[in-house]
Amino acid sequence: ASLASLRQRYALLKSQRDAALDEYEIWQESVYEARQQIASSVSSDLDRRVVVSVQHLADSTSFRDTLESLLKGANLQFRPLSDALAKALLPRQLLELAETGDVDGLSTAVGVTADRAARVLGQLQSSEAVDVLARIVLEDRIDFKLLDGAREKSVEDLSTGQKCAVTLPIVLTERTRLLILDQPEDHLDNAYLVQNVVSALQVRGGSGGQTIVATHNANIPVLGSAERVISLESDGSLGFIQLAGRFDEQGIVDVITRL
């Protein structure tokens, strides 16, 4: 009677856990869909010059690192094996294989011998390992790509200037929040600055978004029709406001012209 009661209790707890995992997966799908919508909207706003892509549950770094830890000490060449497991299976799939002891299923999914699969499962079937597997979270992988000629380049392959050319337009698609930009002209040529940054500042202003920019480049306040330009000076120890006004007020025009 005691054994039957424990089995019943186990089945109930497993059912509750599986329901929680189902609910979490539904939430993950909703987050992914929201990210996809935002990525599509941003890419569309930027006329596909910069493309934001979202790969669902593609960041398996934590999964792989966790598997390395669980398989250490089993003489299984744990690093390449962890990579193979993380690429072939989702955490929940591996959890189910471990709980059911499905050697053939693991062997087929990962492409390892049955003997090796059995040793892997032996490492993953303790209550501690099962608990760890049930808590692993995969993240979506976000990539930003710049259209360089006819080729899309991932942000990882870009120069510092190209990374700025990718990130600034994306940041400026935000229409409502206050943004503070510190010398956005750094690493960008004037043509790109005017076509992409200044134009985005104008759109933000038209949508009610406020942008505060610290800059040495006169194109930004002039072509961006800045509502308020503050010219700063220094006496060598303290900074102070030299003049403030709209970009087209005569005093501000004179200051900008001298700069």
C-alpha atoms as a PDB file:
ATOM      1  CA  ALA A   1       0.000   0.000   0.000  1.00  0.00           C
ATOM      2  CA  SER A   2       2.866   2.323   0.831  1.00  0.00           C
ATOM      3  CA  LEU A   3       4.553   1.676  -2.551  1.00  0.00           C
ATOM      4  CA  ALA A   4       1.290   2.245  -4.402  1.00  0.00           C
ATOM      5  CA  SER A   5       0.778   5.494  -2.520  1.00  0.00           C
ATOM      6  CA  LEU A   6       4.277   6.689  -3.447  1.00  0.00           C
ATOM      7  CA  ARG A   7       3.714   5.820  -7.098  1.00  0.00           C
ATOM      8  CA  GLN A   8       0.450   7.714  -7.069  1.00  0.00           C
ATOM      9  CA  ARG A   9       2.149  10.701  -5.413  1.00  0.00           C
ATOM     10  CA  TYR A  10       4.966  10.566  -8.006  1.00  0.00           C
ATOM     11  CA  ALA A  11       2.502  10.497 -10.896  1.00  0.00           C
ATOM     12  CA  LEU A  12       0.640  13.487  -9.475  1.00  0.00           C
ATOM     13  CA  LEU A  13       3.820  15.530  -8.974  1.00  0.00           C
ATOM     14  CA  LYS A  14       5.097  14.665 -12.458  1.00  0.00           C
ATOM     15  CA  SER A  15       1.760  15.665 -13.948  1.00  0.00           C
ATOM     16  CA  GLN A  16       1.884  19.011 -12.115  1.00  0.00           C
ATOM     17  CA  ARG A  17       5.460  19.621 -13.213  1.00  0.00           C
ATOM     18  CA  ASP A  18       4.646  18.782 -16.840  1.00  0.00           C
ATOM     19  CA  ALA A  19       1.701  21.190 -16.712  1.00  0.00           C
ATOM     20  CA  ALA A  20       4.020  23.923 -15.391  1.00  0.00           C
ATOM     21  CA  LEU A  21       6.524  23.209 -18.165  1.00  0.00           C
ATOM     22  CA  ASP A  22       3.717  23.340 -20.738  1.00  0.00           C
ATOM     23  CA  GLU A  23       2.627  26.715 -19.396  1.00  0.00           C
ATOM     24  CA  TYR A  24       6.206  27.995 -19.492  1.00  0.00           C
ATOM     25  CA  GLU A  25       6.643  26.869 -23.100  1.00  0.00           C
ATOM     26  CA  ILE A  26       3.459  28.715 -24.083  1.00  0.00           C
ATOM     27  CA  TRP A  27       4.857  31.839 -22.405  1.00  0.00           C
ATOM     28  CA  GLN A  28       8.169  31.390 -24.267  1.00  0.00           C
ATOM     29  CA  GLU A  29       6.260  31.219 -27.555  1.00  0.00           C
ATOM     30  CA  SER A  30       4.424  34.450 -26.747  1.00  0.00           C
ATOM     31  CA  VAL A  31       7.717  36.207 -25.948  1.00  0.00           C
ATOM     32  CA  TYR A  32       9.220  34.958 -29.211  1.00  0.00           C
ATOM     33  CA  GLU A  33       6.221  36.153 -31.221  1.00  0.00           C
ATOM     34  CA  ALA A  34       6.412  39.593 -29.562  1.00  0.00           C
ATOM     35  CA  ARG A  35      10.124  39.809 -30.348  1.00  0.00           C
ATOM     36  CA  GLN A  36       9.466  38.766 -33.946  1.00  0.00           C
ATOM     37  CA  GLN A  37       6.872  41.509 -34.336  1.00  0.00           C
ATOM     38  CA  ILE A  38       9.237  44.133 -32.925  1.00  0.00           C
ATOM     39  CA  ALA A  39      12.136  42.889 -35.066  1.00  0.00           C
ATOM     40  CA  SER A  40       9.965  43.008 -38.194  1.00  0.00           C
ATOM     41  CA  SER A  41       8.702  46.476 -37.321  1.00  0.00           C
ATOM     42  CA  VAL A  42      12.212  47.832 -36.692  1.00  0.00           C
ATOM     43  CA  SER A  43      13.564  46.275 -39.891  1.00  0.00           C
ATOM     44  CA  SER A  44      10.650  47.755 -41.841  1.00  0.00           C
ATOM     45  CA  ASP A  45      11.203  51.208 -40.298  1.00  0.00           C
ATOM     46  CA  LEU A  46      14.821  51.067 -41.427  1.00  0.00           C
ATOM     47  CA  ASP A  47      13.889  50.032 -45.003  1.00  0.00           C
ATOM     48  CA  ARG A  48      15.814  46.776 -44.545  1.00  0.00           C
ATOM     49  CA  ARG A  49      19.147  48.666 -44.393  1.00  0.00           C
ATOM     50  CA  VAL A  50      19.476  47.131 -40.964  1.00  0.00           C
ATOM     51  CA  VAL A  51      17.749  43.810 -40.307  1.00  0.00           C
ATOM     52  CA  VAL A  52      16.910  42.454 -36.865  1.00  0.00           C
ATOM     53  CA  SER A  53      16.477  38.688 -36.718  1.00  0.00           C
ATOM     54  CA  VAL A  54      15.220  36.446 -33.913  1.00  0.00           C
ATOM     55  CA  GLN A  55      16.092  32.745 -33.764  1.00  0.00           C
ATOM     56  CA  HIS A  56      13.778  30.891 -31.411  1.00  0.00           C
ATOM     57  CA  LEU A  57      15.493  29.139 -28.475  1.00  0.00           C
ATOM     58  CA  ALA A  58      18.773  29.196 -30.423  1.00  0.00           C
ATOM     59  CA  ASP A  59      21.023  30.322 -27.553  1.00  0.00           C
ATOM     60  CA  SER A  60      21.973  27.016 -25.968  1.00  0.00           C
ATOM     61  CA  THR A  61      25.012  28.335 -24.081  1.00  0.00           C
ATOM     62  CA  SER A  62      23.599  27.746 -20.584  1.00  0.00           C
ATOM     63  CA  PHE A  63      22.275  24.318 -21.632  1.00  0.00           C
ATOM     64  CA  ARG A  64      25.698  23.256 -22.907  1.00  0.00           C
ATOM     65  CA  ASP A  65      27.513  24.611 -19.848  1.00  0.00           C
ATOM     66  CA  THR A  66      25.087  22.812 -17.521  1.00  0.00           C
ATOM     67  CA  LEU A  67      25.571  19.532 -19.384  1.00  0.00           C
ATOM     68  CA  GLU A  68      29.347  19.913 -19.133  1.00  0.00           C
ATOM     69  CA  SER A  69      28.995  20.222 -15.377  1.00  0.00           C
ATOM     70  CA  LEU A  70      26.659  17.220 -15.109  1.00  0.00           C
ATOM     71  CA  LEU A  71      28.845  14.977 -17.260  1.00  0.00           C
ATOM     72  CA  LYS A  72      32.204  15.856 -15.715  1.00  0.00           C
ATOM     73  CA  GLY A  73      33.986  12.952 -14.106  1.00  0.00           C
ATOM     74  CA  ALA A  74      32.204  10.318 -16.202  1.00  0.00           C
ATOM     75  CA  ASN A  75      35.123   9.871 -18.624  1.00  0.00           C
ATOM     76  CA  LEU A  76      32.825  10.734 -21.534  1.00  0.00           C
ATOM     77  CA  GLN A  77      34.760  13.510 -23.324  1.00  0.00           C
ATOM     78  CA  PHE A  78      32.121  15.766 -21.819  1.00  0.00           C
ATOM     79  CA  ARG A  79      32.826  18.939 -23.816  1.00  0.00           C
ATOM     80  CA  PRO A  80      32.171  17.629 -27.363  1.00  0.00           C
ATOM     81  CA  LEU A  81      29.386  15.436 -26.024  1.00  0.00           C
ATOM     82  CA  SER A  82      27.735  18.416 -24.323  1.00  0.00           C
ATOM     83  CA  ASP A  83      27.849  20.329 -27.602  1.00  0.00           C
ATOM     84  CA  ALA A  84      26.264  17.397 -29.450  1.00  0.00           C
ATOM     85  CA  LEU A  85      23.490  17.012 -26.865  1.00  0.00           C
ATOM     86  CA  ALA A  86      22.709  20.748 -26.806  1.00  0.00           C
ATOM     87  CA  LYS A  87      22.503  20.883 -30.610  1.00  0.00           C
ATOM     88  CA  ALA A  88      20.364  17.766 -31.004  1.00  0.00           C
ATOM     89  CA  LEU A  89      17.891  18.112 -28.135  1.00  0.00           C
ATOM     90  CA  LEU A  90      15.867  20.626 -26.194  1.00  0.00           C
ATOM     91  CA  PRO A  91      16.274  20.463 -22.391  1.00  0.00           C
ATOM     92  CA  ARG A  92      12.805  19.005 -21.929  1.00  0.00           C
ATOM     93  CA  GLN A  93      13.454  16.284 -24.511  1.00  0.00           C
ATOM     94  CA  LEU A  94      16.629  15.268 -22.693  1.00  0.00           C
ATOM     95  CA  LEU A  95      14.760  15.375 -19.385  1.00  0.00           C
ATOM     96  CA  GLU A  96      12.160  12.912 -20.705  1.00  0.00           C
ATOM     97  CA  LEU A  97      14.861  10.609 -22.102  1.00  0.00           C
ATOM     98  CA  ALA A  98      16.649  10.645 -18.744  1.00  0.00           C
ATOM     99  CA  GLU A  99      13.495   9.954 -16.746  1.00  0.00           C
ATOM    100  CA  THR A 100      12.398   7.083 -18.976  1.00  0.00           C
ATOM    101  CA  GLY A 101      15.917   5.701 -19.434  1.00  0.00           C
ATOM    102  CA  ASP A 102      15.433   5.692 -23.204  1.00  0.00           C
ATOM    103  CA  VAL A 103      18.897   4.613 -24.336  1.00  0.00           C
ATOM    104  CA  ASP A 104      17.858   3.936 -27.938  1.00  0.00           C
ATOM    105  CA  GLY A 105      16.109   7.295 -28.223  1.00  0.00           C
ATOM    106  CA  LEU A 106      19.180   9.183 -27.008  1.00  0.00           C
ATOM    107  CA  SER A 107      21.505   7.110 -29.183  1.00  0.00           C
ATOM    108  CA  THR A 108      19.439   7.875 -32.303  1.00  0.00           C
ATOM    109  CA  ALA A 109      18.920  11.568 -31.542  1.00  0.00           C
ATOM    110  CA  VAL A 110      22.565  12.356 -30.825  1.00  0.00           C
ATOM    111  CA  GLY A 111      24.267   9.764 -33.049  1.00  0.00           C
ATOM    112  CA  VAL A 112      26.238   7.966 -30.337  1.00  0.00           C
ATOM    113  CA  THR A 113      26.555   4.291 -29.494  1.00  0.00           C
ATOM    114  CA  ALA A 114      24.024   2.674 -27.190  1.00  0.00           C
ATOM    115  CA  ASP A 115      26.754   2.069 -24.613  1.00  0.00           C
ATOM    116  CA  ARG A 116      27.701   5.753 -24.580  1.00  0.00           C
ATOM    117  CA  ALA A 117      24.064   6.819 -24.460  1.00  0.00           C
ATOM    118  CA  ALA A 118      23.508   4.541 -21.443  1.00  0.00           C
ATOM    119  CA  ARG A 119      26.469   6.103 -19.632  1.00  0.00           C
ATOM    120  CA  VAL A 120      25.126   9.591 -20.352  1.00  0.00           C
ATOM    121  CA  LEU A 121      21.724   8.699 -18.985  1.00  0.00           C
ATOM    122  CA  GLY A 122      23.385   7.159 -15.944  1.00  0.00           C
ATOM    123  CA  GLN A 123      24.868  10.591 -15.198  1.00  0.00           C
ATOM    124  CA  LEU A 124      21.563  12.375 -15.720  1.00  0.00           C
ATOM    125  CA  GLN A 125      19.168  10.160 -13.769  1.00  0.00           C
ATOM    126  CA  SER A 126      19.960  11.263 -10.232  1.00  0.00           C
ATOM    127  CA  SER A 127      17.326  13.416  -8.548  1.00  0.00           C
ATOM    128  CA  GLU A 128      19.767  16.343  -8.497  1.00  0.00           C
ATOM    129  CA  ALA A 129      20.493  16.062 -12.242  1.00  0.00           C
ATOM    130  CA  VAL A 130      16.793  15.741 -13.098  1.00  0.00           C
ATOM    131  CA  ASP A 131      16.055  18.848 -11.035  1.00  0.00           C
ATOM    132  CA  VAL A 132      18.780  20.774 -12.876  1.00  0.00           C
ATOM    133  CA  LEU A 133      17.544  19.625 -16.307  1.00  0.00           C
ATOM    134  CA  ALA A 134      13.990  20.685 -15.474  1.00  0.00           C
ATOM    135  CA  ARG A 135      15.183  24.225 -14.680  1.00  0.00           C
ATOM    136  CA  ILE A 136      17.330  24.880 -17.775  1.00  0.00           C
ATOM    137  CA  VAL A 137      16.152  27.851 -19.820  1.00  0.00           C
ATOM    138  CA  LEU A 138      16.927  28.374 -23.503  1.00  0.00           C
ATOM    139  CA  GLU A 139      16.960  31.938 -24.786  1.00  0.00           C
ATOM    140  CA  ASP A 140      16.150  33.353 -28.195  1.00  0.00           C
ATOM    141  CA  ARG A 141      19.188  34.546 -30.130  1.00  0.00           C
ATOM    142  CA  ILE A 142      18.941  38.097 -31.460  1.00  0.00           C
ATOM    143  CA  ASP A 143      21.128  39.214 -34.350  1.00  0.00           C
ATOM    144  CA  PHE A 144      21.519  42.578 -36.049  1.00  0.00           C
ATOM    145  CA  LYS A 145      22.580  42.610 -39.688  1.00  0.00           C
ATOM    146  CA  LEU A 146      23.814  45.493 -41.817  1.00  0.00           C
ATOM    147  CA  LEU A 147      23.187  45.572 -45.548  1.00  0.00           C
ATOM    148  CA  ASP A 148      26.715  46.124 -46.892  1.00  0.00           C
ATOM    149  CA  GLY A 149      26.307  46.320 -50.663  1.00  0.00           C
ATOM    150  CA  ALA A 150      24.305  43.241 -51.582  1.00  0.00           C
ATOM    151  CA  ARG A 151      25.410  41.258 -48.537  1.00  0.00           C
ATOM    152  CA  GLU A 152      23.927  41.134 -45.046  1.00  0.00           C
ATOM    153  CA  LYS A 153      26.653  41.113 -42.391  1.00  0.00           C
ATOM    154  CA  SER A 154      26.063  39.935 -38.833  1.00  0.00           C
ATOM    155  CA  VAL A 155      26.957  42.384 -36.072  1.00  0.00           C
ATOM    156  CA  GLU A 156      29.712  39.974 -34.999  1.00  0.00           C
ATOM    157  CA  ASP A 157      31.481  40.533 -38.332  1.00  0.00           C
ATOM    158  CA  LEU A 158      31.270  44.331 -38.367  1.00  0.00           C
ATOM    159  CA  SER A 159      33.873  47.011 -37.713  1.00  0.00           C
ATOM    160  CA  THR A 160      33.349  49.506 -34.878  1.00  0.00           C
ATOM    161  CA  GLY A 161      31.931  52.065 -37.306  1.00  0.00           C
ATOM    162  CA  GLN A 162      29.590  49.530 -38.864  1.00  0.00           C
ATOM    163  CA  LYS A 163      28.375  48.458 -35.418  1.00  0.00           C
ATOM    164  CA  CYS A 164      27.498  52.085 -34.711  1.00  0.00           C
ATOM    165  CA  ALA A 165      25.735  52.216 -38.084  1.00  0.00           C
ATOM    166  CA  VAL A 166      23.636  49.222 -36.993  1.00  0.00           C
ATOM    167  CA  THR A 167      22.835  50.111 -33.393  1.00  0.00           C
ATOM    168  CA  LEU A 168      22.049  53.837 -33.653  1.00  0.00           C
ATOM    169  CA  PRO A 169      19.193  53.529 -36.180  1.00  0.00           C
ATOM    170  CA  ILE A 170      17.711  50.693 -34.106  1.00  0.00           C
ATOM    171  CA  VAL A 171      17.821  52.780 -30.922  1.00  0.00           C
ATOM    172  CA  LEU A 172      16.222  55.709 -32.747  1.00  0.00           C
ATOM    173  CA  THR A 173      13.200  53.677 -33.844  1.00  0.00           C
ATOM    174  CA  GLU A 174      12.042  54.061 -30.215  1.00  0.00           C
ATOM    175  CA  ARG A 175       9.401  56.759 -30.545  1.00  0.00           C
ATOM    176  CA  THR A 176       8.381  57.733 -27.016  1.00  0.00           C
ATOM    177  CA  ARG A 177      11.106  57.383 -24.411  1.00  0.00           C
ATOM    178  CA  LEU A 178      13.693  60.059 -23.695  1.00  0.00           C
ATOM    179  CA  LEU A 179      17.028  59.197 -25.324  1.00  0.00           C
ATOM    180  CA  ILE A 180      20.412  60.673 -24.424  1.00  0.00           C
ATOM    181  CA  LEU A 181      23.094  60.270 -27.101  1.00  0.00           C
ATOM    182  CA  ASP A 182      26.758  61.035 -26.454  1.00  0.00           C
ATOM    183  CA  GLN A 183      28.547  61.976 -29.690  1.00  0.00           C
ATOM    184  CA  PRO A 184      26.584  59.715 -32.025  1.00  0.00           C
ATOM    185  CA  GLU A 185      28.732  60.981 -34.902  1.00  0.00           C
ATOM    186  CA  ASP A 186      31.747  58.984 -33.677  1.00  0.00           C
ATOM    187  CA  HIS A 187      32.861  56.402 -36.266  1.00  0.00           C
ATOM    188  CA  LEU A 188      30.175  57.548 -38.755  1.00  0.00           C
ATOM    189  CA  ASP A 189      30.703  59.543 -41.936  1.00  0.00           C
ATOM    190  CA  ASN A 190      28.613  62.652 -42.523  1.00  0.00           C
ATOM    191  CA  ALA A 191      26.559  61.138 -45.346  1.00  0.00           C
ATOM    192  CA  TYR A 192      25.408  58.232 -43.172  1.00  0.00           C
ATOM    193  CA  LEU A 193      24.866  60.547 -40.226  1.00  0.00           C
ATOM    194  CA  VAL A 194      22.548  62.814 -42.216  1.00  0.00           C
ATOM    195  CA  GLN A 195      20.662  60.084 -44.074  1.00  0.00           C
ATOM    196  CA  ASN A 196      20.078  57.819 -41.096  1.00  0.00           C
ATOM    197  CA  VAL A 197      20.626  59.548 -37.756  1.00  0.00           C
ATOM    198  CA  VAL A 198      19.405  63.079 -38.454  1.00  0.00           C
ATOM    199  CA  SER A 199      16.362  61.816 -40.340  1.00  0.00           C
ATOM    200  CA  ALA A 200      15.532  59.463 -37.444  1.00  0.00           C
ATOM    201  CA  LEU A 201      15.829  62.349 -34.970  1.00  0.00           C
ATOM    202  CA  GLN A 202      13.316  64.321 -37.013  1.00  0.00           C
ATOM    203  CA  VAL A 203      10.872  61.398 -37.041  1.00  0.00           C
ATOM    204  CA  ARG A 204      11.276  60.975 -33.270  1.00  0.00           C
ATOM    205  CA  GLY A 205      10.583  64.652 -32.724  1.00  0.00           C
ATOM    206  CA  GLY A 206       7.454  64.464 -34.854  1.00  0.00           C
ATOM    207  CA  SER A 207       6.238  61.535 -32.745  1.00  0.00           C
ATOM    208  CA  GLY A 208       6.813  63.364 -29.463  1.00  0.00           C
ATOM    209  CA  GLY A 209      10.055  61.617 -28.499  1.00  0.00           C
ATOM    210  CA  GLN A 210      12.660  63.853 -26.879  1.00  0.00           C
ATOM    211  CA  THR A 211      16.346  63.375 -27.698  1.00  0.00           C
ATOM    212  CA  ILE A 212      19.240  65.040 -25.900  1.00  0.00           C
ATOM    213  CA  VAL A 213      22.454  64.954 -27.927  1.00  0.00           C
ATOM    214  CA  ALA A 214      25.987  65.897 -26.908  1.00  0.00           C
ATOM    215  CA  THR A 215      27.818  66.508 -30.186  1.00  0.00           C
ATOM    216  CA  HIS A 216      30.666  68.277 -31.958  1.00  0.00           C
ATOM    217  CA  ASN A 217      28.954  67.884 -35.338  1.00  0.00           C
ATOM    218  CA  ALA A 218      26.933  70.903 -36.503  1.00  0.00           C
ATOM    219  CA  ASN A 219      24.889  68.791 -38.954  1.00  0.00           C
ATOM    220  CA  ILE A 220      22.936  67.259 -36.095  1.00  0.00           C
ATOM    221  CA  PRO A 221      21.360  70.406 -34.588  1.00  0.00           C
ATOM    222  CA  VAL A 222      21.092  72.277 -37.894  1.00  0.00           C
ATOM    223  CA  LEU A 223      19.707  69.595 -40.204  1.00  0.00           C
ATOM    224  CA  GLY A 224      17.799  68.086 -37.273  1.00  0.00           C
ATOM    225  CA  SER A 225      16.078  71.453 -36.623  1.00  0.00           C
ATOM    226  CA  ALA A 226      16.913  71.318 -32.916  1.00  0.00           C
ATOM    227  CA  GLU A 227      14.378  73.120 -30.750  1.00  0.00           C
ATOM    228  CA  ARG A 228      17.086  74.037 -28.287  1.00  0.00           C
ATOM    229  CA  VAL A 229      20.827  74.259 -28.805  1.00  0.00           C
ATOM    230  CA  ILE A 230      23.085  74.794 -25.798  1.00  0.00           C
ATOM    231  CA  SER A 231      26.638  75.914 -26.581  1.00  0.00           C
ATOM    232  CA  LEU A 232      29.030  74.998 -23.782  1.00  0.00           C
ATOM    233  CA  GLU A 233      32.307  76.679 -22.896  1.00  0.00           C
ATOM    234  CA  SER A 234      34.995  76.094 -20.294  1.00  0.00           C
ATOM    235  CA  ASP A 235      37.321  78.360 -18.358  1.00  0.00           C
ATOM    236  CA  GLY A 236      39.783  75.544 -17.879  1.00  0.00           C
ATOM    237  CA  SER A 237      38.309  74.283 -14.634  1.00  0.00           C
ATOM    238  CA  LEU A 238      34.538  74.677 -14.951  1.00  0.00           C
ATOM    239  CA  GLY A 239      32.111  74.280 -17.804  1.00  0.00           C
ATOM    240  CA  PHE A 240      29.307  76.766 -18.381  1.00  0.00           C
ATOM    241  CA  ILE A 241      26.560  77.638 -20.847  1.00  0.00           C
ATOM    242  CA  GLN A 242      27.750  80.183 -23.403  1.00  0.00           C
ATOM    243  CA  LEU A 243      24.456  80.533 -25.249  1.00  0.00           C
ATOM    244  CA  ALA A 244      21.145  78.696 -25.626  1.00  0.00           C
ATOM    245  CA  GLY A 245      18.325  78.956 -28.177  1.00  0.00           C
ATOM    246  CA  ARG A 246      16.730  77.460 -31.286  1.00  0.00           C
ATOM    247  CA  PHE A 247      18.998  76.275 -34.073  1.00  0.00           C
ATOM    248  CA  ASP A 248      17.930  79.154 -36.349  1.00  0.00           C
ATOM    249  CA  GLU A 249      18.263  82.039 -33.886  1.00  0.00           C
ATOM    250  CA  GLN A 250      20.984  84.426 -35.012  1.00  0.00           C
ATOM    251  CA  GLY A 251      23.212  84.019 -31.955  1.00  0.00           C
ATOM    252  CA  ILE A 252      23.078  80.233 -32.226  1.00  0.00           C
ATOM    253  CA  VAL A 253      23.725  80.437 -35.984  1.00  0.00           C
ATOM    254  CA  ASP A 254      26.844  82.502 -35.283  1.00  0.00           C
ATOM    255  CA  VAL A 255      28.096  80.037 -32.651  1.00  0.00           C
ATOM    256  CA  ILE A 256      27.526  77.041 -34.927  1.00  0.00           C
ATOM    257  CA  THR A 257      29.178  78.818 -37.857  1.00  0.00           C
ATOM    258  CA  ARG A 258      32.299  79.497 -35.797  1.00  0.00           C
ATOM    259  CA  LEU A 259      32.434  75.875 -34.700  1.00  0.00           C
END
